Amino acid sequence: STILSLFFFLKKFFQNFSNIKVLELGCGPYATLSISLKKQFNSIHFSASDVIESKVKSAILTSKINNVKINFIISDLFNNIDSKFDVIFMNPPYVPTKFQKQIIGEKNLNSFKKEEWNSGHGNKDGLFIVKRFLDEALLNLDKNGFIILGINNYFVSDNKLRRLFKQKGYKIINTYKKISECTPNGHFSQVYLLNNLY
């Protein structure tokens, strides 16, 4: 899964850092990545946000149960974020509309909660949130900071993403994929490490 690929990458990446500020966008109801990473890298200052208030409240409770200190924020991407960070990471919604029936199943379309579909839905081309993220991120990224995105190339091709990153002013520093998780036709969740092109 994309979350696992992000976790393995971030776990290795953060070994080179201490006392930095990190932001996770779209943390979800359990903030699994931020909480797991904070438990291993206590010197790193983690913030995590989600657009849905109930998810943030649930994530706060989960962090207390796990006895970790994370700054939680209710925010639609960067709308309520007023700090700069050394690292910003996200597992964004990237599933194009055309995959809705395939993922949910035609029988379940009417009963499936809109909120659940929206959490992974990236509109027609899968890139609506990714484009917004890239447009807004640099205002909250430290000068020498890094962007880290996890995206499944079954839904959005690697070539399309590479063109988009360049168009939006980002340079790919590194990529990571867990080969054992590739499907037979070669699709996989890939992690992209980016920084400012200019």
N, C-alpha and C. Protein backbone atom coordinates (compact mmCIF):
# COMPACT_ATOMS: atom_id res chain seq x y z
N SER A 1 0.83 -1.19 0.00
CA SER A 1 0.00 0.00 0.00
C SER A 1 0.87 1.24 0.00
N THR A 2 0.27 2.38 -0.38
CA THR A 2 1.02 3.63 -0.43
C THR A 2 1.48 4.05 0.96
N ILE A 3 0.64 3.85 1.96
CA ILE A 3 1.02 4.24 3.32
C ILE A 3 2.24 3.45 3.79
N LEU A 4 2.28 2.16 3.49
CA LEU A 4 3.43 1.35 3.88
C LEU A 4 4.69 1.80 3.16
N SER A 5 4.57 2.09 1.87
CA SER A 5 5.72 2.57 1.11
C SER A 5 6.24 3.88 1.69
N LEU A 6 5.32 4.79 2.03
CA LEU A 6 5.71 6.06 2.66
C LEU A 6 6.40 5.80 4.00
N PHE A 7 5.85 4.90 4.79
CA PHE A 7 6.43 4.61 6.10
C PHE A 7 7.85 4.10 5.96
N PHE A 8 8.08 3.13 5.08
CA PHE A 8 9.43 2.57 4.92
C PHE A 8 10.41 3.64 4.44
N PHE A 9 9.95 4.48 3.52
CA PHE A 9 10.83 5.54 3.01
C PHE A 9 11.14 6.55 4.11
N LEU A 10 10.10 7.04 4.79
CA LEU A 10 10.29 8.07 5.81
C LEU A 10 11.13 7.57 6.97
N LYS A 11 10.93 6.32 7.33
CA LYS A 11 11.71 5.73 8.43
C LYS A 11 13.21 5.78 8.12
N LYS A 12 13.55 5.49 6.90
CA LYS A 12 14.96 5.55 6.50
C LYS A 12 15.42 7.00 6.33
N PHE A 13 14.58 7.83 5.73
CA PHE A 13 14.92 9.23 5.46
C PHE A 13 15.20 10.01 6.74
N PHE A 14 14.36 9.83 7.76
CA PHE A 14 14.48 10.60 9.00
C PHE A 14 15.68 10.19 9.85
N GLN A 15 16.32 9.08 9.52
CA GLN A 15 17.52 8.68 10.26
C GLN A 15 18.65 9.71 10.11
N ASN A 16 18.55 10.54 9.07
CA ASN A 16 19.59 11.53 8.81
C ASN A 16 19.31 12.88 9.48
N PHE A 17 18.21 12.99 10.23
CA PHE A 17 17.80 14.28 10.76
C PHE A 17 17.43 14.22 12.23
N SER A 18 17.54 15.36 12.88
CA SER A 18 17.01 15.53 14.23
C SER A 18 16.62 16.99 14.39
N ASN A 19 15.71 17.24 15.30
CA ASN A 19 15.29 18.60 15.62
C ASN A 19 14.80 19.39 14.40
N ILE A 20 14.09 18.71 13.50
CA ILE A 20 13.50 19.39 12.35
C ILE A 20 11.98 19.45 12.52
N LYS A 21 11.34 20.30 11.72
CA LYS A 21 9.88 20.44 11.77
C LYS A 21 9.27 19.73 10.57
N VAL A 22 8.32 18.84 10.85
CA VAL A 22 7.71 17.99 9.82
C VAL A 22 6.20 18.17 9.86
N LEU A 23 5.59 18.26 8.68
CA LEU A 23 4.13 18.38 8.57
C LEU A 23 3.59 17.25 7.71
N GLU A 24 2.57 16.56 8.24
CA GLU A 24 1.81 15.60 7.44
C GLU A 24 0.45 16.21 7.12
N LEU A 25 0.12 16.25 5.84
CA LEU A 25 -1.21 16.70 5.42
C LEU A 25 -2.09 15.49 5.14
N GLY A 26 -3.38 15.60 5.51
CA GLY A 26 -4.31 14.49 5.29
C GLY A 26 -3.99 13.31 6.18
N CYS A 27 -3.83 13.57 7.47
CA CYS A 27 -3.37 12.51 8.40
C CYS A 27 -4.42 11.44 8.66
N GLY A 28 -5.71 11.75 8.41
CA GLY A 28 -6.76 10.76 8.64
C GLY A 28 -7.09 10.62 10.12
N PRO A 29 -7.99 9.70 10.46
CA PRO A 29 -8.49 9.60 11.84
C PRO A 29 -7.51 9.01 12.85
N TYR A 30 -6.43 8.40 12.38
CA TYR A 30 -5.49 7.76 13.31
C TYR A 30 -4.07 8.31 13.21
N ALA A 31 -3.82 9.19 12.24
CA ALA A 31 -2.48 9.77 12.04
C ALA A 31 -1.40 8.69 12.14
N THR A 32 -1.65 7.58 11.46
CA THR A 32 -0.79 6.40 11.59
C THR A 32 0.68 6.70 11.31
N LEU A 33 0.93 7.44 10.23
CA LEU A 33 2.33 7.71 9.86
C LEU A 33 3.01 8.61 10.89
N SER A 34 2.39 9.74 11.21
CA SER A 34 3.01 10.67 12.15
C SER A 34 3.24 10.06 13.52
N ILE A 35 2.25 9.32 14.02
CA ILE A 35 2.38 8.71 15.34
C ILE A 35 3.48 7.64 15.34
N SER A 36 3.48 6.78 14.33
CA SER A 36 4.49 5.72 14.26
C SER A 36 5.90 6.31 14.15
N LEU A 37 6.03 7.36 13.34
CA LEU A 37 7.35 7.98 13.15
C LEU A 37 7.80 8.75 14.38
N LYS A 38 6.87 9.44 15.03
CA LYS A 38 7.21 10.19 16.25
C LYS A 38 7.72 9.25 17.33
N LYS A 39 7.17 8.06 17.42
CA LYS A 39 7.61 7.09 18.43
C LYS A 39 9.06 6.66 18.18
N GLN A 40 9.49 6.72 16.92
CA GLN A 40 10.85 6.32 16.59
C GLN A 40 11.83 7.49 16.53
N PHE A 41 11.29 8.68 16.25
CA PHE A 41 12.15 9.87 16.10
C PHE A 41 11.61 10.99 17.00
N ASN A 42 11.83 10.84 18.29
CA ASN A 42 11.25 11.75 19.25
C ASN A 42 11.79 13.17 19.14
N SER A 43 13.01 13.35 18.62
CA SER A 43 13.60 14.69 18.52
C SER A 43 13.01 15.50 17.37
N ILE A 44 12.26 14.85 16.49
CA ILE A 44 11.63 15.54 15.36
C ILE A 44 10.28 16.09 15.81
N HIS A 45 9.99 17.33 15.40
CA HIS A 45 8.75 17.99 15.79
C HIS A 45 7.69 17.77 14.70
N PHE A 46 6.69 16.98 15.01
CA PHE A 46 5.65 16.62 14.04
C PHE A 46 4.39 17.46 14.23
N SER A 47 3.86 17.94 13.10
CA SER A 47 2.51 18.49 13.03
C SER A 47 1.74 17.65 12.03
N ALA A 48 0.43 17.55 12.22
CA ALA A 48 -0.39 16.76 11.31
C ALA A 48 -1.75 17.43 11.16
N SER A 49 -2.29 17.39 9.94
CA SER A 49 -3.57 18.07 9.71
C SER A 49 -4.50 17.22 8.87
N ASP A 50 -5.77 17.57 8.97
CA ASP A 50 -6.79 16.99 8.10
C ASP A 50 -7.90 18.02 7.94
N VAL A 51 -8.61 17.95 6.84
CA VAL A 51 -9.68 18.92 6.58
C VAL A 51 -10.94 18.62 7.38
N ILE A 52 -11.09 17.37 7.84
CA ILE A 52 -12.30 16.95 8.54
C ILE A 52 -12.07 16.96 10.05
N GLU A 53 -12.86 17.76 10.75
CA GLU A 53 -12.67 17.97 12.19
C GLU A 53 -12.74 16.67 12.98
N SER A 54 -13.69 15.80 12.64
CA SER A 54 -13.85 14.55 13.40
C SER A 54 -12.61 13.66 13.27
N LYS A 55 -11.96 13.71 12.12
CA LYS A 55 -10.74 12.92 11.94
C LYS A 55 -9.61 13.47 12.80
N VAL A 56 -9.51 14.79 12.89
CA VAL A 56 -8.47 15.39 13.72
C VAL A 56 -8.71 15.06 15.20
N LYS A 57 -9.96 15.11 15.64
CA LYS A 57 -10.27 14.77 17.04
C LYS A 57 -9.90 13.32 17.33
N SER A 58 -10.19 12.44 16.39
CA SER A 58 -9.84 11.02 16.55
C SER A 58 -8.33 10.84 16.59
N ALA A 59 -7.62 11.59 15.74
CA ALA A 59 -6.15 11.49 15.69
C ALA A 59 -5.53 11.99 16.99
N ILE A 60 -6.11 13.05 17.58
CA ILE A 60 -5.61 13.56 18.86
C ILE A 60 -5.76 12.49 19.93
N LEU A 61 -6.91 11.83 19.96
CA LEU A 61 -7.14 10.76 20.92
C LEU A 61 -6.14 9.62 20.72
N THR A 62 -5.90 9.25 19.47
CA THR A 62 -4.96 8.17 19.15
C THR A 62 -3.55 8.53 19.61
N SER A 63 -3.17 9.79 19.43
CA SER A 63 -1.82 10.20 19.85
C SER A 63 -1.68 10.15 21.37
N LYS A 64 -2.75 10.49 22.08
CA LYS A 64 -2.71 10.44 23.55
C LYS A 64 -2.59 9.00 24.03
N ILE A 65 -3.32 8.10 23.38
CA ILE A 65 -3.25 6.67 23.73
C ILE A 65 -1.83 6.15 23.52
N ASN A 66 -1.17 6.66 22.47
CA ASN A 66 0.20 6.23 22.15
C ASN A 66 1.26 7.06 22.86
N ASN A 67 0.82 8.04 23.66
CA ASN A 67 1.73 8.85 24.47
C ASN A 67 2.79 9.57 23.63
N VAL A 68 2.33 10.17 22.53
CA VAL A 68 3.25 10.98 21.70
C VAL A 68 2.68 12.39 21.56
N LYS A 69 3.59 13.34 21.41
CA LYS A 69 3.20 14.74 21.29
C LYS A 69 3.28 15.18 19.83
N ILE A 70 2.13 15.48 19.26
CA ILE A 70 2.03 15.97 17.88
C ILE A 70 1.10 17.17 17.86
N ASN A 71 1.44 18.17 17.09
CA ASN A 71 0.59 19.35 16.95
C ASN A 71 -0.44 19.08 15.85
N PHE A 72 -1.72 19.00 16.20
CA PHE A 72 -2.77 18.71 15.22
C PHE A 72 -3.49 19.99 14.81
N ILE A 73 -3.83 20.06 13.52
CA ILE A 73 -4.46 21.25 12.95
C ILE A 73 -5.59 20.83 12.02
N ILE A 74 -6.73 21.50 12.13
CA ILE A 74 -7.81 21.32 11.16
C ILE A 74 -7.53 22.27 10.01
N SER A 75 -7.31 21.73 8.81
CA SER A 75 -6.93 22.60 7.70
C SER A 75 -7.23 21.94 6.36
N ASP A 76 -7.73 22.73 5.44
CA ASP A 76 -7.89 22.32 4.04
C ASP A 76 -6.57 22.59 3.35
N LEU A 77 -5.77 21.55 3.20
CA LEU A 77 -4.38 21.68 2.78
C LEU A 77 -3.68 22.73 3.65
N PHE A 78 -3.22 23.84 3.07
CA PHE A 78 -2.41 24.80 3.84
C PHE A 78 -3.20 25.99 4.37
N ASN A 79 -4.52 25.97 4.24
CA ASN A 79 -5.33 27.15 4.60
C ASN A 79 -5.10 27.64 6.03
N ASN A 80 -4.95 26.73 6.99
CA ASN A 80 -4.76 27.12 8.38
C ASN A 80 -3.35 26.85 8.88
N ILE A 81 -2.42 26.65 7.96
CA ILE A 81 -1.03 26.39 8.33
C ILE A 81 -0.26 27.70 8.23
N ASP A 82 0.34 28.13 9.34
CA ASP A 82 1.04 29.41 9.32
C ASP A 82 2.52 29.30 9.68
N SER A 83 3.06 28.09 9.64
CA SER A 83 4.49 27.87 9.93
C SER A 83 5.20 27.34 8.69
N LYS A 84 6.53 27.39 8.74
CA LYS A 84 7.34 26.76 7.69
C LYS A 84 7.91 25.46 8.23
N PHE A 85 8.11 24.50 7.33
CA PHE A 85 8.56 23.17 7.74
C PHE A 85 9.75 22.73 6.89
N ASP A 86 10.54 21.84 7.49
CA ASP A 86 11.69 21.28 6.78
C ASP A 86 11.26 20.14 5.85
N VAL A 87 10.20 19.45 6.24
CA VAL A 87 9.66 18.34 5.45
C VAL A 87 8.13 18.41 5.49
N ILE A 88 7.51 18.29 4.32
CA ILE A 88 6.05 18.18 4.24
C ILE A 88 5.74 16.91 3.46
N PHE A 89 4.94 16.03 4.05
CA PHE A 89 4.62 14.80 3.32
C PHE A 89 3.11 14.55 3.30
N MET A 90 2.70 13.78 2.30
CA MET A 90 1.27 13.51 2.12
C MET A 90 1.06 12.26 1.27
N ASN A 91 0.03 11.52 1.63
CA ASN A 91 -0.50 10.45 0.79
C ASN A 91 -1.80 11.03 0.21
N PRO A 92 -1.72 11.77 -0.89
CA PRO A 92 -2.88 12.55 -1.35
C PRO A 92 -3.96 11.69 -2.00
N PRO A 93 -5.18 12.21 -2.09
CA PRO A 93 -6.20 11.53 -2.91
C PRO A 93 -5.76 11.56 -4.37
N TYR A 94 -5.71 10.41 -5.02
CA TYR A 94 -5.22 10.38 -6.40
C TYR A 94 -6.03 9.44 -7.31
N VAL A 95 -7.12 8.91 -6.83
CA VAL A 95 -7.89 7.95 -7.63
C VAL A 95 -8.83 8.71 -8.58
N PRO A 96 -8.65 8.55 -9.90
CA PRO A 96 -9.54 9.24 -10.86
C PRO A 96 -10.98 8.74 -10.77
N THR A 97 -11.90 9.59 -11.17
CA THR A 97 -13.33 9.29 -11.10
C THR A 97 -13.69 7.98 -11.78
N LYS A 98 -13.04 7.68 -12.89
CA LYS A 98 -13.40 6.49 -13.68
C LYS A 98 -13.22 5.17 -12.92
N PHE A 99 -12.49 5.20 -11.80
CA PHE A 99 -12.26 3.97 -11.03
C PHE A 99 -13.28 3.77 -9.91
N GLN A 100 -14.27 4.67 -9.81
CA GLN A 100 -15.20 4.60 -8.68
C GLN A 100 -15.92 3.26 -8.61
N LYS A 101 -16.51 2.82 -9.72
CA LYS A 101 -17.25 1.55 -9.71
C LYS A 101 -16.33 0.38 -9.42
N GLN A 102 -15.12 0.43 -9.97
CA GLN A 102 -14.16 -0.66 -9.79
C GLN A 102 -13.76 -0.81 -8.32
N ILE A 103 -13.59 0.31 -7.64
CA ILE A 103 -13.13 0.28 -6.26
C ILE A 103 -14.27 -0.01 -5.29
N ILE A 104 -15.39 0.67 -5.48
CA ILE A 104 -16.51 0.55 -4.54
C ILE A 104 -17.37 -0.67 -4.86
N GLY A 105 -17.51 -0.97 -6.15
CA GLY A 105 -18.42 -2.02 -6.58
C GLY A 105 -19.78 -1.43 -6.89
N GLU A 106 -20.34 -1.77 -8.04
CA GLU A 106 -21.57 -1.14 -8.50
C GLU A 106 -22.72 -1.30 -7.50
N LYS A 107 -22.77 -2.46 -6.83
CA LYS A 107 -23.85 -2.71 -5.87
C LYS A 107 -23.77 -1.78 -4.66
N ASN A 108 -22.56 -1.33 -4.35
CA ASN A 108 -22.36 -0.54 -3.13
C ASN A 108 -22.37 0.97 -3.38
N LEU A 109 -22.52 1.40 -4.62
CA LEU A 109 -22.41 2.83 -4.94
C LEU A 109 -23.36 3.70 -4.13
N ASN A 110 -24.60 3.26 -3.99
CA ASN A 110 -25.60 4.07 -3.29
C ASN A 110 -25.39 4.12 -1.78
N SER A 111 -24.84 3.05 -1.21
CA SER A 111 -24.68 3.00 0.24
C SER A 111 -23.31 3.51 0.70
N PHE A 112 -22.39 3.66 -0.23
CA PHE A 112 -21.03 4.09 0.13
C PHE A 112 -21.03 5.56 0.53
N LYS A 113 -20.42 5.87 1.65
CA LYS A 113 -20.41 7.24 2.14
C LYS A 113 -19.55 8.13 1.25
N LYS A 114 -20.09 9.28 0.89
CA LYS A 114 -19.38 10.22 0.03
C LYS A 114 -18.03 10.60 0.63
N GLU A 115 -17.99 10.79 1.94
CA GLU A 115 -16.76 11.19 2.62
C GLU A 115 -15.67 10.14 2.43
N GLU A 116 -16.05 8.86 2.48
CA GLU A 116 -15.07 7.78 2.33
C GLU A 116 -14.49 7.76 0.92
N TRP A 117 -15.33 7.99 -0.09
CA TRP A 117 -14.84 8.03 -1.46
C TRP A 117 -13.96 9.26 -1.67
N ASN A 118 -14.37 10.40 -1.14
CA ASN A 118 -13.62 11.64 -1.34
C ASN A 118 -12.23 11.58 -0.73
N SER A 119 -12.05 10.77 0.32
CA SER A 119 -10.73 10.72 0.97
C SER A 119 -9.66 10.15 0.04
N GLY A 120 -10.06 9.43 -0.99
CA GLY A 120 -9.07 8.92 -1.94
C GLY A 120 -9.27 9.42 -3.36
N HIS A 121 -10.31 10.24 -3.58
CA HIS A 121 -10.71 10.63 -4.92
C HIS A 121 -9.99 11.90 -5.37
N GLY A 122 -9.31 11.83 -6.50
CA GLY A 122 -8.57 12.98 -7.02
C GLY A 122 -9.22 13.65 -8.20
N ASN A 123 -10.54 13.54 -8.32
CA ASN A 123 -11.31 14.08 -9.44
C ASN A 123 -10.98 13.38 -10.75
N LYS A 124 -11.32 14.00 -11.88
CA LYS A 124 -11.30 13.32 -13.18
C LYS A 124 -9.94 12.67 -13.49
N ASP A 125 -8.84 13.41 -13.31
CA ASP A 125 -7.53 12.87 -13.69
C ASP A 125 -6.72 12.37 -12.50
N GLY A 126 -7.29 12.46 -11.30
CA GLY A 126 -6.59 12.01 -10.11
C GLY A 126 -5.61 13.03 -9.53
N LEU A 127 -5.54 14.20 -10.14
CA LEU A 127 -4.49 15.15 -9.76
C LEU A 127 -4.99 16.46 -9.14
N PHE A 128 -6.28 16.55 -8.88
CA PHE A 128 -6.83 17.81 -8.38
C PHE A 128 -6.14 18.26 -7.09
N ILE A 129 -6.06 17.38 -6.10
CA ILE A 129 -5.43 17.73 -4.82
C ILE A 129 -3.92 17.83 -4.98
N VAL A 130 -3.33 16.96 -5.77
CA VAL A 130 -1.88 17.00 -5.97
C VAL A 130 -1.46 18.35 -6.56
N LYS A 131 -2.21 18.84 -7.53
CA LYS A 131 -1.89 20.15 -8.14
C LYS A 131 -2.03 21.27 -7.12
N ARG A 132 -3.10 21.24 -6.33
CA ARG A 132 -3.28 22.26 -5.28
C ARG A 132 -2.13 22.21 -4.28
N PHE A 133 -1.78 21.01 -3.89
CA PHE A 133 -0.68 20.82 -2.94
C PHE A 133 0.60 21.45 -3.48
N LEU A 134 0.95 21.13 -4.72
CA LEU A 134 2.19 21.64 -5.32
C LEU A 134 2.16 23.15 -5.48
N ASP A 135 1.00 23.71 -5.78
CA ASP A 135 0.87 25.16 -5.94
C ASP A 135 1.08 25.90 -4.62
N GLU A 136 0.66 25.28 -3.51
CA GLU A 136 0.65 25.97 -2.22
C GLU A 136 1.83 25.62 -1.31
N ALA A 137 2.48 24.49 -1.54
CA ALA A 137 3.44 23.95 -0.57
C ALA A 137 4.65 24.85 -0.33
N LEU A 138 5.17 25.48 -1.36
CA LEU A 138 6.41 26.24 -1.22
C LEU A 138 6.29 27.39 -0.22
N LEU A 139 5.07 27.90 -0.03
CA LEU A 139 4.88 28.99 0.93
C LEU A 139 5.11 28.52 2.37
N ASN A 140 4.98 27.22 2.59
CA ASN A 140 5.15 26.67 3.94
C ASN A 140 6.36 25.75 4.06
N LEU A 141 7.20 25.75 3.02
CA LEU A 141 8.39 24.89 3.01
C LEU A 141 9.63 25.74 3.26
N ASP A 142 10.49 25.28 4.17
CA ASP A 142 11.75 25.97 4.41
C ASP A 142 12.59 25.98 3.13
N LYS A 143 13.48 26.95 3.04
CA LYS A 143 14.26 27.16 1.81
C LYS A 143 14.91 25.88 1.30
N ASN A 144 15.48 25.09 2.18
CA ASN A 144 16.16 23.85 1.77
C ASN A 144 15.34 22.61 2.12
N GLY A 145 14.02 22.80 2.19
CA GLY A 145 13.15 21.72 2.63
C GLY A 145 12.80 20.71 1.55
N PHE A 146 12.09 19.67 1.98
CA PHE A 146 11.73 18.56 1.09
C PHE A 146 10.22 18.32 1.10
N ILE A 147 9.70 17.95 -0.06
CA ILE A 147 8.33 17.48 -0.23
C ILE A 147 8.39 15.98 -0.47
N ILE A 148 7.51 15.22 0.19
CA ILE A 148 7.48 13.78 0.00
C ILE A 148 6.03 13.37 -0.27
N LEU A 149 5.79 12.76 -1.42
CA LEU A 149 4.44 12.34 -1.82
C LEU A 149 4.43 10.84 -2.13
N GLY A 150 3.38 10.16 -1.66
CA GLY A 150 3.19 8.76 -2.00
C GLY A 150 1.99 8.63 -2.93
N ILE A 151 2.21 8.05 -4.11
CA ILE A 151 1.14 7.95 -5.11
C ILE A 151 1.25 6.60 -5.83
N ASN A 152 0.10 5.95 -6.04
CA ASN A 152 0.09 4.66 -6.74
C ASN A 152 0.02 4.90 -8.24
N ASN A 153 1.05 4.43 -8.96
CA ASN A 153 1.14 4.67 -10.40
C ASN A 153 0.15 3.87 -11.23
N TYR A 154 -0.61 2.98 -10.59
CA TYR A 154 -1.70 2.33 -11.32
C TYR A 154 -2.77 3.36 -11.68
N PHE A 155 -2.96 4.33 -10.80
CA PHE A 155 -3.98 5.35 -11.00
C PHE A 155 -3.46 6.61 -11.71
N VAL A 156 -2.22 6.99 -11.41
CA VAL A 156 -1.59 8.15 -12.07
C VAL A 156 -0.19 7.72 -12.50
N SER A 157 0.09 7.79 -13.78
CA SER A 157 1.35 7.26 -14.30
C SER A 157 2.55 8.07 -13.82
N ASP A 158 3.68 7.38 -13.73
CA ASP A 158 4.94 8.01 -13.34
C ASP A 158 5.30 9.15 -14.30
N ASN A 159 5.13 8.93 -15.60
CA ASN A 159 5.46 9.96 -16.60
C ASN A 159 4.61 11.22 -16.41
N LYS A 160 3.31 11.03 -16.14
CA LYS A 160 2.43 12.17 -15.93
C LYS A 160 2.85 12.98 -14.70
N LEU A 161 3.22 12.26 -13.64
CA LEU A 161 3.65 12.93 -12.41
C LEU A 161 4.96 13.69 -12.62
N ARG A 162 5.89 13.07 -13.32
CA ARG A 162 7.18 13.73 -13.55
C ARG A 162 7.01 15.02 -14.34
N ARG A 163 6.13 15.00 -15.33
CA ARG A 163 5.86 16.22 -16.10
C ARG A 163 5.23 17.29 -15.22
N LEU A 164 4.30 16.87 -14.37
CA LEU A 164 3.62 17.81 -13.48
C LEU A 164 4.60 18.44 -12.48
N PHE A 165 5.46 17.62 -11.87
CA PHE A 165 6.42 18.15 -10.90
C PHE A 165 7.31 19.22 -11.55
N LYS A 166 7.79 18.93 -12.74
CA LYS A 166 8.66 19.90 -13.43
C LYS A 166 7.89 21.18 -13.77
N GLN A 167 6.67 21.00 -14.25
CA GLN A 167 5.83 22.15 -14.61
C GLN A 167 5.56 23.05 -13.41
N LYS A 168 5.42 22.45 -12.23
CA LYS A 168 5.11 23.21 -11.02
C LYS A 168 6.36 23.72 -10.29
N GLY A 169 7.55 23.45 -10.86
CA GLY A 169 8.77 24.00 -10.28
C GLY A 169 9.47 23.13 -9.26
N TYR A 170 9.30 21.80 -9.36
CA TYR A 170 9.93 20.89 -8.42
C TYR A 170 10.91 19.96 -9.14
N LYS A 171 11.94 19.57 -8.40
CA LYS A 171 12.93 18.63 -8.90
C LYS A 171 12.82 17.33 -8.12
N ILE A 172 12.85 16.19 -8.81
CA ILE A 172 12.82 14.89 -8.13
C ILE A 172 14.23 14.57 -7.66
N ILE A 173 14.39 14.42 -6.35
CA ILE A 173 15.69 14.09 -5.76
C ILE A 173 15.88 12.57 -5.72
N ASN A 174 14.77 11.88 -5.42
CA ASN A 174 14.85 10.43 -5.29
C ASN A 174 13.43 9.85 -5.39
N THR A 175 13.35 8.57 -5.70
CA THR A 175 12.07 7.85 -5.67
C THR A 175 12.28 6.53 -4.94
N TYR A 176 11.19 5.98 -4.45
CA TYR A 176 11.26 4.71 -3.73
C TYR A 176 10.03 3.89 -4.06
N LYS A 177 10.23 2.63 -4.32
CA LYS A 177 9.11 1.70 -4.48
C LYS A 177 9.50 0.37 -3.87
N LYS A 178 8.54 -0.27 -3.26
CA LYS A 178 8.77 -1.57 -2.65
C LYS A 178 8.45 -2.62 -3.70
N ILE A 179 9.47 -3.18 -4.31
CA ILE A 179 9.30 -4.09 -5.45
C ILE A 179 8.38 -5.25 -5.10
N SER A 180 8.46 -5.74 -3.88
CA SER A 180 7.65 -6.90 -3.50
C SER A 180 6.16 -6.61 -3.53
N GLU A 181 5.81 -5.31 -3.55
CA GLU A 181 4.40 -4.95 -3.57
C GLU A 181 3.89 -4.62 -4.98
N CYS A 182 4.74 -4.76 -5.98
CA CYS A 182 4.30 -4.49 -7.35
C CYS A 182 3.30 -5.55 -7.80
N THR A 183 2.33 -5.13 -8.57
CA THR A 183 1.39 -6.07 -9.16
C THR A 183 2.06 -6.73 -10.36
N PRO A 184 1.51 -7.84 -10.87
CA PRO A 184 2.15 -8.54 -11.99
C PRO A 184 2.42 -7.66 -13.22
N ASN A 185 1.56 -6.66 -13.46
CA ASN A 185 1.79 -5.81 -14.63
C ASN A 185 2.64 -4.59 -14.28
N GLY A 186 3.28 -4.61 -13.11
CA GLY A 186 4.29 -3.60 -12.81
C GLY A 186 3.81 -2.33 -12.14
N HIS A 187 2.53 -2.25 -11.78
CA HIS A 187 2.04 -1.05 -11.09
C HIS A 187 2.42 -1.11 -9.62
N PHE A 188 2.68 0.04 -9.05
CA PHE A 188 3.13 0.07 -7.67
C PHE A 188 2.86 1.42 -7.04
N SER A 189 2.95 1.43 -5.72
CA SER A 189 2.93 2.70 -5.00
C SER A 189 4.36 3.22 -4.98
N GLN A 190 4.51 4.47 -5.35
CA GLN A 190 5.85 5.05 -5.43
C GLN A 190 5.91 6.31 -4.56
N VAL A 191 7.05 6.49 -3.92
CA VAL A 191 7.29 7.68 -3.10
C VAL A 191 8.23 8.60 -3.86
N TYR A 192 7.85 9.88 -3.92
CA TYR A 192 8.65 10.89 -4.62
C TYR A 192 9.21 11.88 -3.61
N LEU A 193 10.52 12.04 -3.62
CA LEU A 193 11.19 13.05 -2.80
C LEU A 193 11.53 14.23 -3.69
N LEU A 194 10.97 15.40 -3.35
CA LEU A 194 11.09 16.58 -4.20
C LEU A 194 11.67 17.75 -3.42
N ASN A 195 12.30 18.68 -4.16
CA ASN A 195 12.55 20.00 -3.59
C ASN A 195 12.38 21.06 -4.69
N ASN A 196 12.56 22.30 -4.29
CA ASN A 196 12.31 23.41 -5.21
C ASN A 196 13.32 23.40 -6.35
N LEU A 197 12.81 23.51 -7.56
CA LEU A 197 13.67 23.47 -8.75
C LEU A 197 14.54 24.71 -8.86
N TYR A 198 14.10 25.83 -8.29
CA TYR A 198 14.80 27.10 -8.52
C TYR A 198 15.56 27.58 -7.31
